[in-house]
Amino acid sequence: MLYELDVKNKIGENVYRANERFRARGNERVVTDEAGFREIKACSSLIIEKLLFVCPYCKKVFDKKKGLFTHINMAHPEHAHNFSKE
């Protein structure tokens, strides 16, 4: 699963997480996978301001995970069995 995140760095130094650089006291928009999302979420210096879900097949963006799963079932039924609803 892919995530599109708006991330705010709340400290005065650059932070490097999930192969991305988050500038000091700045906002960044990144697209990352599950491991990168966990790494960014665990960092106390970074605040996730917005979380969106991205279809890994056509890169369409959704506000909710349910919307992503519905899209995959309808538009990409050949890949529907690859995703489990968490």
C-alpha atoms as a PDB file:
ATOM      1  CA  MET A   1       0.000   0.000   0.000  1.00  0.00           C
ATOM      2  CA  LEU A   2       1.206   3.502  -0.780  1.00  0.00           C
ATOM      3  CA  TYR A   3       0.621   6.613   1.303  1.00  0.00           C
ATOM      4  CA  GLU A   4       0.762  10.291   0.388  1.00  0.00           C
ATOM      5  CA  LEU A   5       1.670  12.332   3.460  1.00  0.00           C
ATOM      6  CA  ASP A   6       1.908  16.007   4.312  1.00  0.00           C
ATOM      7  CA  VAL A   7       4.593  16.045   6.989  1.00  0.00           C
ATOM      8  CA  LYS A   8       5.708  18.938   9.176  1.00  0.00           C
ATOM      9  CA  ASN A   9       9.141  19.020  10.794  1.00  0.00           C
ATOM     10  CA  LYS A  10       8.747  20.755  14.158  1.00  0.00           C
ATOM     11  CA  ILE A  11      12.447  21.113  15.048  1.00  0.00           C
ATOM     12  CA  GLY A  12      15.135  23.449  13.694  1.00  0.00           C
ATOM     13  CA  GLU A  13      17.250  20.724  12.062  1.00  0.00           C
ATOM     14  CA  ASN A  14      16.847  18.582   8.952  1.00  0.00           C
ATOM     15  CA  VAL A  15      15.479  15.100   9.628  1.00  0.00           C
ATOM     16  CA  TYR A  16      16.117  12.112   7.337  1.00  0.00           C
ATOM     17  CA  ARG A  17      13.512   9.339   7.429  1.00  0.00           C
ATOM     18  CA  ALA A  18      12.260   6.839   4.837  1.00  0.00           C
ATOM     19  CA  ASN A  19      14.819   8.000   2.239  1.00  0.00           C
ATOM     20  CA  GLU A  20      13.412  11.536   2.406  1.00  0.00           C
ATOM     21  CA  ARG A  21      14.768  14.797   3.791  1.00  0.00           C
ATOM     22  CA  PHE A  22      12.436  16.894   5.882  1.00  0.00           C
ATOM     23  CA  ARG A  23      13.694  20.470   6.039  1.00  0.00           C
ATOM     24  CA  ALA A  24      13.998  22.346   9.303  1.00  0.00           C
ATOM     25  CA  ARG A  25      10.642  23.785  10.375  1.00  0.00           C
ATOM     26  CA  GLY A  26       9.182  23.046   6.966  1.00  0.00           C
ATOM     27  CA  ASN A  27       6.394  21.078   5.341  1.00  0.00           C
ATOM     28  CA  GLU A  28       6.982  18.313   2.800  1.00  0.00           C
ATOM     29  CA  ARG A  29       4.669  16.129   0.725  1.00  0.00           C
ATOM     30  CA  VAL A  30       5.952  12.586   0.214  1.00  0.00           C
ATOM     31  CA  VAL A  31       4.675   9.329  -1.252  1.00  0.00           C
ATOM     32  CA  THR A  32       5.937   6.324   0.670  1.00  0.00           C
ATOM     33  CA  ASP A  33       5.263   2.653   1.286  1.00  0.00           C
ATOM     34  CA  GLU A  34       4.194   0.881   4.491  1.00  0.00           C
ATOM     35  CA  ALA A  35       7.711   0.733   5.976  1.00  0.00           C
ATOM     36  CA  GLY A  36       8.363   4.403   5.271  1.00  0.00           C
ATOM     37  CA  PHE A  37       5.008   5.373   6.783  1.00  0.00           C
ATOM     38  CA  ARG A  38       5.851   3.525   9.992  1.00  0.00           C
ATOM     39  CA  GLU A  39       9.285   5.147  10.160  1.00  0.00           C
ATOM     40  CA  ILE A  40       7.863   8.657   9.710  1.00  0.00           C
ATOM     41  CA  LYS A  41       5.029   7.996  12.169  1.00  0.00           C
ATOM     42  CA  ALA A  42       7.469   6.778  14.840  1.00  0.00           C
ATOM     43  CA  CYS A  43       9.672   9.888  14.608  1.00  0.00           C
ATOM     44  CA  SER A  44       8.828  12.353  17.392  1.00  0.00           C
ATOM     45  CA  SER A  45      10.159  15.324  15.373  1.00  0.00           C
ATOM     46  CA  LEU A  46       7.719  14.814  12.498  1.00  0.00           C
ATOM     47  CA  ILE A  47       3.988  15.482  12.510  1.00  0.00           C
ATOM     48  CA  ILE A  48       1.727  13.929   9.872  1.00  0.00           C
ATOM     49  CA  GLU A  49      -0.739  16.664   8.959  1.00  0.00           C
ATOM     50  CA  LYS A  50      -2.595  14.858   6.175  1.00  0.00           C
ATOM     51  CA  LEU A  51      -2.794  11.180   5.243  1.00  0.00           C
ATOM     52  CA  LEU A  52      -4.021   9.971   1.848  1.00  0.00           C
ATOM     53  CA  PHE A  53      -4.076   6.487   0.334  1.00  0.00           C
ATOM     54  CA  VAL A  54      -2.675   5.887  -3.181  1.00  0.00           C
ATOM     55  CA  CYS A  55      -3.687   3.086  -5.539  1.00  0.00           C
ATOM     56  CA  PRO A  56      -0.487   1.179  -6.383  1.00  0.00           C
ATOM     57  CA  TYR A  57      -1.771   0.360  -9.881  1.00  0.00           C
ATOM     58  CA  CYS A  58      -3.089   3.655 -11.269  1.00  0.00           C
ATOM     59  CA  LYS A  59      -1.831   6.162  -8.625  1.00  0.00           C
ATOM     60  CA  LYS A  60      -5.324   7.525  -7.905  1.00  0.00           C
ATOM     61  CA  VAL A  61      -5.546   9.162  -4.463  1.00  0.00           C
ATOM     62  CA  PHE A  62      -8.224   8.469  -1.812  1.00  0.00           C
ATOM     63  CA  ASP A  63      -9.105  10.050   1.536  1.00  0.00           C
ATOM     64  CA  LYS A  64     -10.100   6.777   3.192  1.00  0.00           C
ATOM     65  CA  LYS A  65      -8.760   3.250   3.122  1.00  0.00           C
ATOM     66  CA  LYS A  66     -12.262   1.940   2.427  1.00  0.00           C
ATOM     67  CA  GLY A  67     -12.398   4.064  -0.724  1.00  0.00           C
ATOM     68  CA  LEU A  68      -9.084   2.613  -1.876  1.00  0.00           C
ATOM     69  CA  PHE A  69     -10.266  -0.969  -1.325  1.00  0.00           C
ATOM     70  CA  THR A  70     -13.553  -0.287  -3.135  1.00  0.00           C
ATOM     71  CA  HIS A  71     -11.621   1.208  -6.059  1.00  0.00           C
ATOM     72  CA  ILE A  72      -9.267  -1.788  -6.251  1.00  0.00           C
ATOM     73  CA  ASN A  73     -12.205  -4.224  -6.172  1.00  0.00           C
ATOM     74  CA  MET A  74     -14.040  -2.346  -8.936  1.00  0.00           C
ATOM     75  CA  ALA A  75     -11.240  -1.066 -11.199  1.00  0.00           C
ATOM     76  CA  HIS A  76      -8.539  -3.695 -10.638  1.00  0.00           C
ATOM     77  CA  PRO A  77     -10.386  -6.938  -9.737  1.00  0.00           C
ATOM     78  CA  GLU A  78      -7.413  -9.042 -10.841  1.00  0.00           C
ATOM     79  CA  HIS A  79      -5.419  -7.560  -7.935  1.00  0.00           C
ATOM     80  CA  ALA A  80      -8.187  -7.508  -5.311  1.00  0.00           C
ATOM     81  CA  HIS A  81      -7.008 -10.709  -3.651  1.00  0.00           C
ATOM     82  CA  ASN A  82      -3.553  -9.132  -2.961  1.00  0.00           C
ATOM     83  CA  PHE A  83      -4.954  -6.692  -0.394  1.00  0.00           C
ATOM     84  CA  SER A  84      -6.431  -7.636   2.941  1.00  0.00           C
ATOM     85  CA  LYS A  85      -8.764  -5.210   4.658  1.00  0.00           C
ATOM     86  CA  GLU A  86      -7.105  -4.266   7.933  1.00  0.00           C
END
